[in-house]
Amino acid sequence: MANSIPLSSLPDLLFTLYLLVVFPCLRLWQSRHPAARKPPRPPLQSYWRQARFVLVLLAALVLVMLLGEHTVHELGLGFPDSFPALCGMLIACGVLLALHLVGKRMERNMTPAHRAKQEAQLRDLPFAVPRTPFETAVYLATTVFMTAMWEVLYRGYLLLVLPPLTGLPLAVALAAVAYGAAHGYKNPQQFLGSIAASFGFAIGYALTGSLWWLIVLHAAAPVSMLYAVRKIRERAAEPAASV
């Protein structure tokens, strides 16, 4: 029986088990047993600490792809020239435009109490805010790279190797639950929201076969967060400047 598994599929099996079981379980355990809070790191050091783990996963993915003879196109990274892929790009552009317009309207109607609440949240951000143009460029490059890699791993790769074993519906469910769990557990709303969003992205990929529009949507979140933080800081500095 041991010889019934081709050598090229064994790395796929091990890597898939890591993505589906090991990594999500580790993230859940870490979120329920957080380490003692340490002094904040400089932005560049913080970005490197976040990106280096994803670089290790990228190296593992490249090795598995070579051994399994997978192609970049099979991972959903081919040029989006099919009708479903183009529809996905149009959807991504439409969603981003709609969110931008809604955000502008909410900003105009924001009350002083809401502004004060946003400014208070700056003290507990999940990332180090860049302070210089170089740090901003590194932040943007790091976040875009990381979000793209999560799409490749949990949508492109898992939905390549799982469907022959489980069928597409179960593969979508397994990938969505695993990626949602990999966000950790803070409260039921956050946990279920992560899984629901992951289901949406996995179904979107299954319908279009292209990751590019999902990468655009996913990468827009940390980029827009940086923009929002800058706007909040500018507003917070206005009273001090006027005085």
C-alpha atoms as a PDB file:
ATOM      1  CA  MET A   1       0.000   0.000   0.000  1.00  0.00           C
ATOM      2  CA  ALA A   2       2.867   2.380   0.726  1.00  0.00           C
ATOM      3  CA  ASN A   3       4.015   2.094  -2.863  1.00  0.00           C
ATOM      4  CA  SER A   4       0.524   2.931  -4.161  1.00  0.00           C
ATOM      5  CA  ILE A   5       1.142   6.648  -3.600  1.00  0.00           C
ATOM      6  CA  PRO A   6       3.270   8.095  -6.412  1.00  0.00           C
ATOM      7  CA  LEU A   7       6.306   9.968  -5.174  1.00  0.00           C
ATOM      8  CA  SER A   8       5.130  13.149  -6.898  1.00  0.00           C
ATOM      9  CA  SER A   9       1.837  13.111  -4.931  1.00  0.00           C
ATOM     10  CA  LEU A  10       3.399  12.627  -1.493  1.00  0.00           C
ATOM     11  CA  PRO A  11       4.631  16.240  -1.239  1.00  0.00           C
ATOM     12  CA  ASP A  12       1.143  17.352  -2.314  1.00  0.00           C
ATOM     13  CA  LEU A  13      -0.377  15.230   0.439  1.00  0.00           C
ATOM     14  CA  LEU A  14       1.939  16.564   3.145  1.00  0.00           C
ATOM     15  CA  PHE A  15       1.610  20.185   2.042  1.00  0.00           C
ATOM     16  CA  THR A  16      -2.181  19.891   1.795  1.00  0.00           C
ATOM     17  CA  LEU A  17      -2.396  18.421   5.302  1.00  0.00           C
ATOM     18  CA  TYR A  18      -0.293  21.287   6.608  1.00  0.00           C
ATOM     19  CA  LEU A  19      -2.525  23.918   5.004  1.00  0.00           C
ATOM     20  CA  LEU A  20      -5.778  22.197   5.947  1.00  0.00           C
ATOM     21  CA  VAL A  21      -4.992  20.989   9.466  1.00  0.00           C
ATOM     22  CA  VAL A  22      -1.654  21.935  10.995  1.00  0.00           C
ATOM     23  CA  PHE A  23      -1.495  25.652  10.242  1.00  0.00           C
ATOM     24  CA  PRO A  24      -5.155  26.434  11.093  1.00  0.00           C
ATOM     25  CA  CYS A  25      -4.880  24.494  14.372  1.00  0.00           C
ATOM     26  CA  LEU A  26      -1.682  26.343  15.294  1.00  0.00           C
ATOM     27  CA  ARG A  27      -3.308  29.702  14.566  1.00  0.00           C
ATOM     28  CA  LEU A  28      -6.373  28.800  16.631  1.00  0.00           C
ATOM     29  CA  TRP A  29      -4.193  27.681  19.540  1.00  0.00           C
ATOM     30  CA  GLN A  30      -2.079  30.839  19.356  1.00  0.00           C
ATOM     31  CA  SER A  31      -5.158  33.056  19.287  1.00  0.00           C
ATOM     32  CA  ARG A  32      -6.522  31.338  22.403  1.00  0.00           C
ATOM     33  CA  HIS A  33      -3.127  31.406  24.176  1.00  0.00           C
ATOM     34  CA  PRO A  34      -1.580  34.738  23.155  1.00  0.00           C
ATOM     35  CA  ALA A  35       2.011  35.446  24.087  1.00  0.00           C
ATOM     36  CA  ALA A  36       2.870  38.265  26.445  1.00  0.00           C
ATOM     37  CA  ARG A  37       2.653  41.644  24.747  1.00  0.00           C
ATOM     38  CA  LYS A  38       6.071  42.889  23.670  1.00  0.00           C
ATOM     39  CA  PRO A  39       7.218  46.432  22.914  1.00  0.00           C
ATOM     40  CA  PRO A  40       6.305  47.419  19.349  1.00  0.00           C
ATOM     41  CA  ARG A  41       8.954  46.677  16.741  1.00  0.00           C
ATOM     42  CA  PRO A  42      10.150  49.221  14.176  1.00  0.00           C
ATOM     43  CA  PRO A  43       7.945  49.095  11.060  1.00  0.00           C
ATOM     44  CA  LEU A  44      10.526  47.508   8.741  1.00  0.00           C
ATOM     45  CA  GLN A  45      11.336  44.798  11.277  1.00  0.00           C
ATOM     46  CA  SER A  46       7.634  44.148  11.793  1.00  0.00           C
ATOM     47  CA  TYR A  47       6.973  43.811   8.052  1.00  0.00           C
ATOM     48  CA  TRP A  48       9.893  41.413   7.610  1.00  0.00           C
ATOM     49  CA  ARG A  49       8.709  39.281  10.536  1.00  0.00           C
ATOM     50  CA  GLN A  50       5.276  38.977   8.913  1.00  0.00           C
ATOM     51  CA  ALA A  51       6.589  38.260   5.414  1.00  0.00           C
ATOM     52  CA  ARG A  52       9.334  35.741   6.150  1.00  0.00           C
ATOM     53  CA  PHE A  53       6.908  32.967   7.099  1.00  0.00           C
ATOM     54  CA  VAL A  54       5.011  33.471   3.844  1.00  0.00           C
ATOM     55  CA  LEU A  55       8.332  33.332   1.985  1.00  0.00           C
ATOM     56  CA  VAL A  56       8.966  29.915   3.538  1.00  0.00           C
ATOM     57  CA  LEU A  57       5.535  28.782   2.366  1.00  0.00           C
ATOM     58  CA  LEU A  58       6.311  30.131  -1.100  1.00  0.00           C
ATOM     59  CA  ALA A  59       9.531  28.092  -1.215  1.00  0.00           C
ATOM     60  CA  ALA A  60       7.598  24.987  -0.122  1.00  0.00           C
ATOM     61  CA  LEU A  61       4.942  25.656  -2.769  1.00  0.00           C
ATOM     62  CA  VAL A  62       7.535  26.005  -5.525  1.00  0.00           C
ATOM     63  CA  LEU A  63       9.127  22.703  -4.486  1.00  0.00           C
ATOM     64  CA  VAL A  64       5.765  20.928  -4.397  1.00  0.00           C
ATOM     65  CA  MET A  65       4.830  22.366  -7.794  1.00  0.00           C
ATOM     66  CA  LEU A  66       8.072  21.130  -9.325  1.00  0.00           C
ATOM     67  CA  LEU A  67       7.695  17.649  -7.851  1.00  0.00           C
ATOM     68  CA  GLY A  68       4.035  17.447  -8.790  1.00  0.00           C
ATOM     69  CA  GLU A  69       4.556  19.044 -12.195  1.00  0.00           C
ATOM     70  CA  HIS A  70       1.906  21.698 -11.512  1.00  0.00           C
ATOM     71  CA  THR A  71       1.853  24.836 -13.623  1.00  0.00           C
ATOM     72  CA  VAL A  72       1.223  28.464 -12.773  1.00  0.00           C
ATOM     73  CA  HIS A  73      -1.844  28.371 -15.007  1.00  0.00           C
ATOM     74  CA  GLU A  74      -3.268  25.494 -12.939  1.00  0.00           C
ATOM     75  CA  LEU A  75      -2.971  27.690  -9.845  1.00  0.00           C
ATOM     76  CA  GLY A  76      -5.295  30.280 -11.385  1.00  0.00           C
ATOM     77  CA  LEU A  77      -2.515  32.692 -12.306  1.00  0.00           C
ATOM     78  CA  GLY A  78      -2.877  32.492 -16.057  1.00  0.00           C
ATOM     79  CA  PHE A  79      -3.722  35.630 -18.012  1.00  0.00           C
ATOM     80  CA  PRO A  80      -7.409  36.421 -17.286  1.00  0.00           C
ATOM     81  CA  ASP A  81      -8.636  36.170 -20.867  1.00  0.00           C
ATOM     82  CA  SER A  82     -11.662  33.909 -20.352  1.00  0.00           C
ATOM     83  CA  PHE A  83     -15.155  35.373 -20.000  1.00  0.00           C
ATOM     84  CA  PRO A  84     -15.580  34.309 -16.313  1.00  0.00           C
ATOM     85  CA  ALA A  85     -12.140  35.713 -15.435  1.00  0.00           C
ATOM     86  CA  LEU A  86     -12.922  39.028 -17.114  1.00  0.00           C
ATOM     87  CA  CYS A  87     -16.251  39.149 -15.296  1.00  0.00           C
ATOM     88  CA  GLY A  88     -14.340  38.646 -12.050  1.00  0.00           C
ATOM     89  CA  MET A  89     -12.084  41.614 -12.800  1.00  0.00           C
ATOM     90  CA  LEU A  90     -15.137  43.761 -13.568  1.00  0.00           C
ATOM     91  CA  ILE A  91     -16.727  42.667 -10.297  1.00  0.00           C
ATOM     92  CA  ALA A  92     -13.550  43.533  -8.376  1.00  0.00           C
ATOM     93  CA  CYS A  93     -13.391  46.998  -9.949  1.00  0.00           C
ATOM     94  CA  GLY A  94     -17.094  47.564  -9.266  1.00  0.00           C
ATOM     95  CA  VAL A  95     -16.803  46.489  -5.625  1.00  0.00           C
ATOM     96  CA  LEU A  96     -13.779  48.712  -5.013  1.00  0.00           C
ATOM     97  CA  LEU A  97     -15.494  51.703  -6.628  1.00  0.00           C
ATOM     98  CA  ALA A  98     -18.652  51.126  -4.593  1.00  0.00           C
ATOM     99  CA  LEU A  99     -16.677  50.813  -1.346  1.00  0.00           C
ATOM    100  CA  HIS A 100     -14.783  54.016  -2.157  1.00  0.00           C
ATOM    101  CA  LEU A 101     -18.005  55.953  -2.753  1.00  0.00           C
ATOM    102  CA  VAL A 102     -19.639  54.544   0.380  1.00  0.00           C
ATOM    103  CA  GLY A 103     -16.533  55.392   2.418  1.00  0.00           C
ATOM    104  CA  LYS A 104     -16.546  58.983   1.135  1.00  0.00           C
ATOM    105  CA  ARG A 105     -20.200  59.371   2.073  1.00  0.00           C
ATOM    106  CA  MET A 106     -19.657  57.895   5.535  1.00  0.00           C
ATOM    107  CA  GLU A 107     -16.694  60.214   6.055  1.00  0.00           C
ATOM    108  CA  ARG A 108     -18.823  63.261   5.255  1.00  0.00           C
ATOM    109  CA  ASN A 109     -21.555  62.135   7.669  1.00  0.00           C
ATOM    110  CA  MET A 110     -19.216  61.056  10.463  1.00  0.00           C
ATOM    111  CA  THR A 111     -20.024  62.452  13.899  1.00  0.00           C
ATOM    112  CA  PRO A 112     -17.353  63.841  16.262  1.00  0.00           C
ATOM    113  CA  ALA A 113     -17.940  60.871  18.584  1.00  0.00           C
ATOM    114  CA  HIS A 114     -17.266  58.434  15.751  1.00  0.00           C
ATOM    115  CA  ARG A 115     -14.123  60.312  14.764  1.00  0.00           C
ATOM    116  CA  ALA A 116     -12.878  60.187  18.358  1.00  0.00           C
ATOM    117  CA  LYS A 117     -13.544  56.431  18.477  1.00  0.00           C
ATOM    118  CA  GLN A 118     -11.537  55.911  15.294  1.00  0.00           C
ATOM    119  CA  GLU A 119      -8.636  57.942  16.651  1.00  0.00           C
ATOM    120  CA  ALA A 120      -8.644  55.825  19.837  1.00  0.00           C
ATOM    121  CA  GLN A 121      -8.424  52.665  17.745  1.00  0.00           C
ATOM    122  CA  LEU A 122      -5.117  53.869  16.297  1.00  0.00           C
ATOM    123  CA  ARG A 123      -3.445  52.757  19.507  1.00  0.00           C
ATOM    124  CA  ASP A 124      -4.337  49.098  18.869  1.00  0.00           C
ATOM    125  CA  LEU A 125      -3.710  48.561  15.172  1.00  0.00           C
ATOM    126  CA  PRO A 126      -2.731  45.057  13.967  1.00  0.00           C
ATOM    127  CA  PHE A 127       0.271  46.439  12.045  1.00  0.00           C
ATOM    128  CA  ALA A 128       3.035  48.989  12.455  1.00  0.00           C
ATOM    129  CA  VAL A 129       2.070  52.169  10.633  1.00  0.00           C
ATOM    130  CA  PRO A 130       4.758  53.273   8.153  1.00  0.00           C
ATOM    131  CA  ARG A 131       6.221  56.714   8.807  1.00  0.00           C
ATOM    132  CA  THR A 132       8.431  57.363   5.776  1.00  0.00           C
ATOM    133  CA  PRO A 133       7.960  56.903   2.019  1.00  0.00           C
ATOM    134  CA  PHE A 134      10.353  53.944   2.059  1.00  0.00           C
ATOM    135  CA  GLU A 135       8.467  52.258   4.920  1.00  0.00           C
ATOM    136  CA  THR A 136       5.208  52.889   3.060  1.00  0.00           C
ATOM    137  CA  ALA A 137       6.588  51.251  -0.080  1.00  0.00           C
ATOM    138  CA  VAL A 138       7.789  48.237   1.928  1.00  0.00           C
ATOM    139  CA  TYR A 139       4.431  47.987   3.704  1.00  0.00           C
ATOM    140  CA  LEU A 140       2.529  48.018   0.412  1.00  0.00           C
ATOM    141  CA  ALA A 141       4.869  45.480  -1.221  1.00  0.00           C
ATOM    142  CA  THR A 142       4.704  43.203   1.820  1.00  0.00           C
ATOM    143  CA  THR A 143       0.930  43.274   2.219  1.00  0.00           C
ATOM    144  CA  VAL A 144       0.220  42.798  -1.478  1.00  0.00           C
ATOM    145  CA  PHE A 145       2.665  39.881  -1.608  1.00  0.00           C
ATOM    146  CA  MET A 146       1.198  38.244   1.487  1.00  0.00           C
ATOM    147  CA  THR A 147      -2.435  38.584   0.406  1.00  0.00           C
ATOM    148  CA  ALA A 148      -1.559  37.239  -3.050  1.00  0.00           C
ATOM    149  CA  MET A 149       0.179  34.238  -1.497  1.00  0.00           C
ATOM    150  CA  TRP A 150      -2.797  33.377   0.714  1.00  0.00           C
ATOM    151  CA  GLU A 151      -4.999  33.397  -2.377  1.00  0.00           C
ATOM    152  CA  VAL A 152      -2.567  31.144  -4.229  1.00  0.00           C
ATOM    153  CA  LEU A 153      -2.270  28.716  -1.317  1.00  0.00           C
ATOM    154  CA  TYR A 154      -5.844  28.476  -0.056  1.00  0.00           C
ATOM    155  CA  ARG A 155      -7.691  28.981  -3.307  1.00  0.00           C
ATOM    156  CA  GLY A 156      -5.396  28.196  -6.241  1.00  0.00           C
ATOM    157  CA  TYR A 157      -3.432  25.309  -4.734  1.00  0.00           C
ATOM    158  CA  LEU A 158      -6.018  23.606  -2.520  1.00  0.00           C
ATOM    159  CA  LEU A 159      -8.703  23.793  -5.189  1.00  0.00           C
ATOM    160  CA  LEU A 160      -6.233  22.186  -7.578  1.00  0.00           C
ATOM    161  CA  VAL A 161      -5.283  19.171  -5.450  1.00  0.00           C
ATOM    162  CA  LEU A 162      -8.451  18.547  -3.422  1.00  0.00           C
ATOM    163  CA  PRO A 163     -11.246  18.182  -6.042  1.00  0.00           C
ATOM    164  CA  PRO A 164      -9.878  14.922  -7.538  1.00  0.00           C
ATOM    165  CA  LEU A 165     -10.053  13.426  -4.037  1.00  0.00           C
ATOM    166  CA  THR A 166     -13.163  15.039  -2.534  1.00  0.00           C
ATOM    167  CA  GLY A 167     -15.147  16.645  -5.345  1.00  0.00           C
ATOM    168  CA  LEU A 168     -15.355  20.381  -5.861  1.00  0.00           C
ATOM    169  CA  PRO A 169     -18.090  21.275  -3.298  1.00  0.00           C
ATOM    170  CA  LEU A 170     -16.314  19.547  -0.424  1.00  0.00           C
ATOM    171  CA  ALA A 171     -12.964  20.952  -1.568  1.00  0.00           C
ATOM    172  CA  VAL A 172     -14.419  24.477  -1.453  1.00  0.00           C
ATOM    173  CA  ALA A 173     -15.800  23.834   2.038  1.00  0.00           C
ATOM    174  CA  LEU A 174     -12.533  22.400   3.372  1.00  0.00           C
ATOM    175  CA  ALA A 175     -10.430  25.231   1.940  1.00  0.00           C
ATOM    176  CA  ALA A 176     -12.844  27.875   3.244  1.00  0.00           C
ATOM    177  CA  VAL A 177     -13.041  26.499   6.777  1.00  0.00           C
ATOM    178  CA  ALA A 178      -9.264  26.002   6.946  1.00  0.00           C
ATOM    179  CA  TYR A 179      -8.504  29.532   5.797  1.00  0.00           C
ATOM    180  CA  GLY A 180     -11.153  31.015   8.066  1.00  0.00           C
ATOM    181  CA  ALA A 181      -9.698  29.108  11.030  1.00  0.00           C
ATOM    182  CA  ALA A 182      -6.200  30.265  10.059  1.00  0.00           C
ATOM    183  CA  HIS A 183      -7.301  33.799  10.996  1.00  0.00           C
ATOM    184  CA  GLY A 184      -7.538  32.654  14.611  1.00  0.00           C
ATOM    185  CA  TYR A 185     -10.404  33.051  17.063  1.00  0.00           C
ATOM    186  CA  LYS A 186     -11.259  36.311  18.813  1.00  0.00           C
ATOM    187  CA  ASN A 187     -15.029  35.986  19.154  1.00  0.00           C
ATOM    188  CA  PRO A 188     -17.842  34.098  17.388  1.00  0.00           C
ATOM    189  CA  GLN A 189     -18.613  37.034  15.061  1.00  0.00           C
ATOM    190  CA  GLN A 190     -15.010  37.336  13.884  1.00  0.00           C
ATOM    191  CA  PHE A 191     -14.599  33.584  13.486  1.00  0.00           C
ATOM    192  CA  LEU A 192     -17.805  33.036  11.520  1.00  0.00           C
ATOM    193  CA  GLY A 193     -17.159  36.193   9.491  1.00  0.00           C
ATOM    194  CA  SER A 194     -13.718  34.921   8.466  1.00  0.00           C
ATOM    195  CA  ILE A 195     -15.149  31.591   7.348  1.00  0.00           C
ATOM    196  CA  ALA A 196     -18.027  33.254   5.486  1.00  0.00           C
ATOM    197  CA  ALA A 197     -15.641  35.582   3.631  1.00  0.00           C
ATOM    198  CA  SER A 198     -13.400  32.633   2.815  1.00  0.00           C
ATOM    199  CA  PHE A 199     -16.380  30.747   1.405  1.00  0.00           C
ATOM    200  CA  GLY A 200     -17.163  33.720  -0.822  1.00  0.00           C
ATOM    201  CA  PHE A 201     -13.612  33.889  -2.177  1.00  0.00           C
ATOM    202  CA  ALA A 202     -13.381  30.114  -2.689  1.00  0.00           C
ATOM    203  CA  ILE A 203     -16.696  30.023  -4.561  1.00  0.00           C
ATOM    204  CA  GLY A 204     -15.592  33.030  -6.618  1.00  0.00           C
ATOM    205  CA  TYR A 205     -12.453  31.207  -7.659  1.00  0.00           C
ATOM    206  CA  ALA A 206     -14.338  27.995  -8.410  1.00  0.00           C
ATOM    207  CA  LEU A 207     -16.689  29.929 -10.705  1.00  0.00           C
ATOM    208  CA  THR A 208     -14.046  31.948 -12.579  1.00  0.00           C
ATOM    209  CA  GLY A 209     -10.863  29.857 -12.437  1.00  0.00           C
ATOM    210  CA  SER A 210      -8.846  33.064 -11.979  1.00  0.00           C
ATOM    211  CA  LEU A 211      -7.136  34.396  -8.859  1.00  0.00           C
ATOM    212  CA  TRP A 212      -6.293  37.851 -10.170  1.00  0.00           C
ATOM    213  CA  TRP A 213      -9.566  39.553  -9.286  1.00  0.00           C
ATOM    214  CA  LEU A 214      -9.547  37.939  -5.836  1.00  0.00           C
ATOM    215  CA  ILE A 215      -5.985  39.133  -5.259  1.00  0.00           C
ATOM    216  CA  VAL A 216      -7.082  42.662  -6.184  1.00  0.00           C
ATOM    217  CA  LEU A 217      -9.967  42.523  -3.694  1.00  0.00           C
ATOM    218  CA  HIS A 218      -7.874  40.925  -0.951  1.00  0.00           C
ATOM    219  CA  ALA A 219      -4.937  43.300  -1.344  1.00  0.00           C
ATOM    220  CA  ALA A 220      -7.268  46.310  -1.324  1.00  0.00           C
ATOM    221  CA  ALA A 221      -8.084  45.738   2.368  1.00  0.00           C
ATOM    222  CA  PRO A 222      -4.629  46.496   3.888  1.00  0.00           C
ATOM    223  CA  VAL A 223      -3.995  49.213   1.303  1.00  0.00           C
ATOM    224  CA  SER A 224      -7.262  50.986   2.135  1.00  0.00           C
ATOM    225  CA  MET A 225      -6.550  50.514   5.845  1.00  0.00           C
ATOM    226  CA  LEU A 226      -3.309  52.433   5.458  1.00  0.00           C
ATOM    227  CA  TYR A 227      -5.175  55.203   3.624  1.00  0.00           C
ATOM    228  CA  ALA A 228      -7.804  55.337   6.382  1.00  0.00           C
ATOM    229  CA  VAL A 229      -5.161  55.531   9.111  1.00  0.00           C
ATOM    230  CA  ARG A 230      -3.444  58.408   7.324  1.00  0.00           C
ATOM    231  CA  LYS A 231      -6.756  60.276   7.062  1.00  0.00           C
ATOM    232  CA  ILE A 232      -7.540  59.744  10.741  1.00  0.00           C
ATOM    233  CA  ARG A 233      -4.089  60.967  11.757  1.00  0.00           C
ATOM    234  CA  GLU A 234      -4.436  64.035   9.577  1.00  0.00           C
ATOM    235  CA  ARG A 235      -7.756  64.876  11.211  1.00  0.00           C
ATOM    236  CA  ALA A 236      -6.300  64.288  14.677  1.00  0.00           C
ATOM    237  CA  ALA A 237      -3.426  66.660  13.888  1.00  0.00           C
ATOM    238  CA  GLU A 238      -5.697  69.480  12.638  1.00  0.00           C
ATOM    239  CA  PRO A 239      -6.730  70.797  16.102  1.00  0.00           C
ATOM    240  CA  ALA A 240      -3.115  70.801  17.283  1.00  0.00           C
ATOM    241  CA  ALA A 241      -2.019  72.654  14.151  1.00  0.00           C
ATOM    242  CA  SER A 242      -4.746  75.263  14.583  1.00  0.00           C
ATOM    243  CA  VAL A 243      -3.702  75.864  18.199  1.00  0.00           C
END
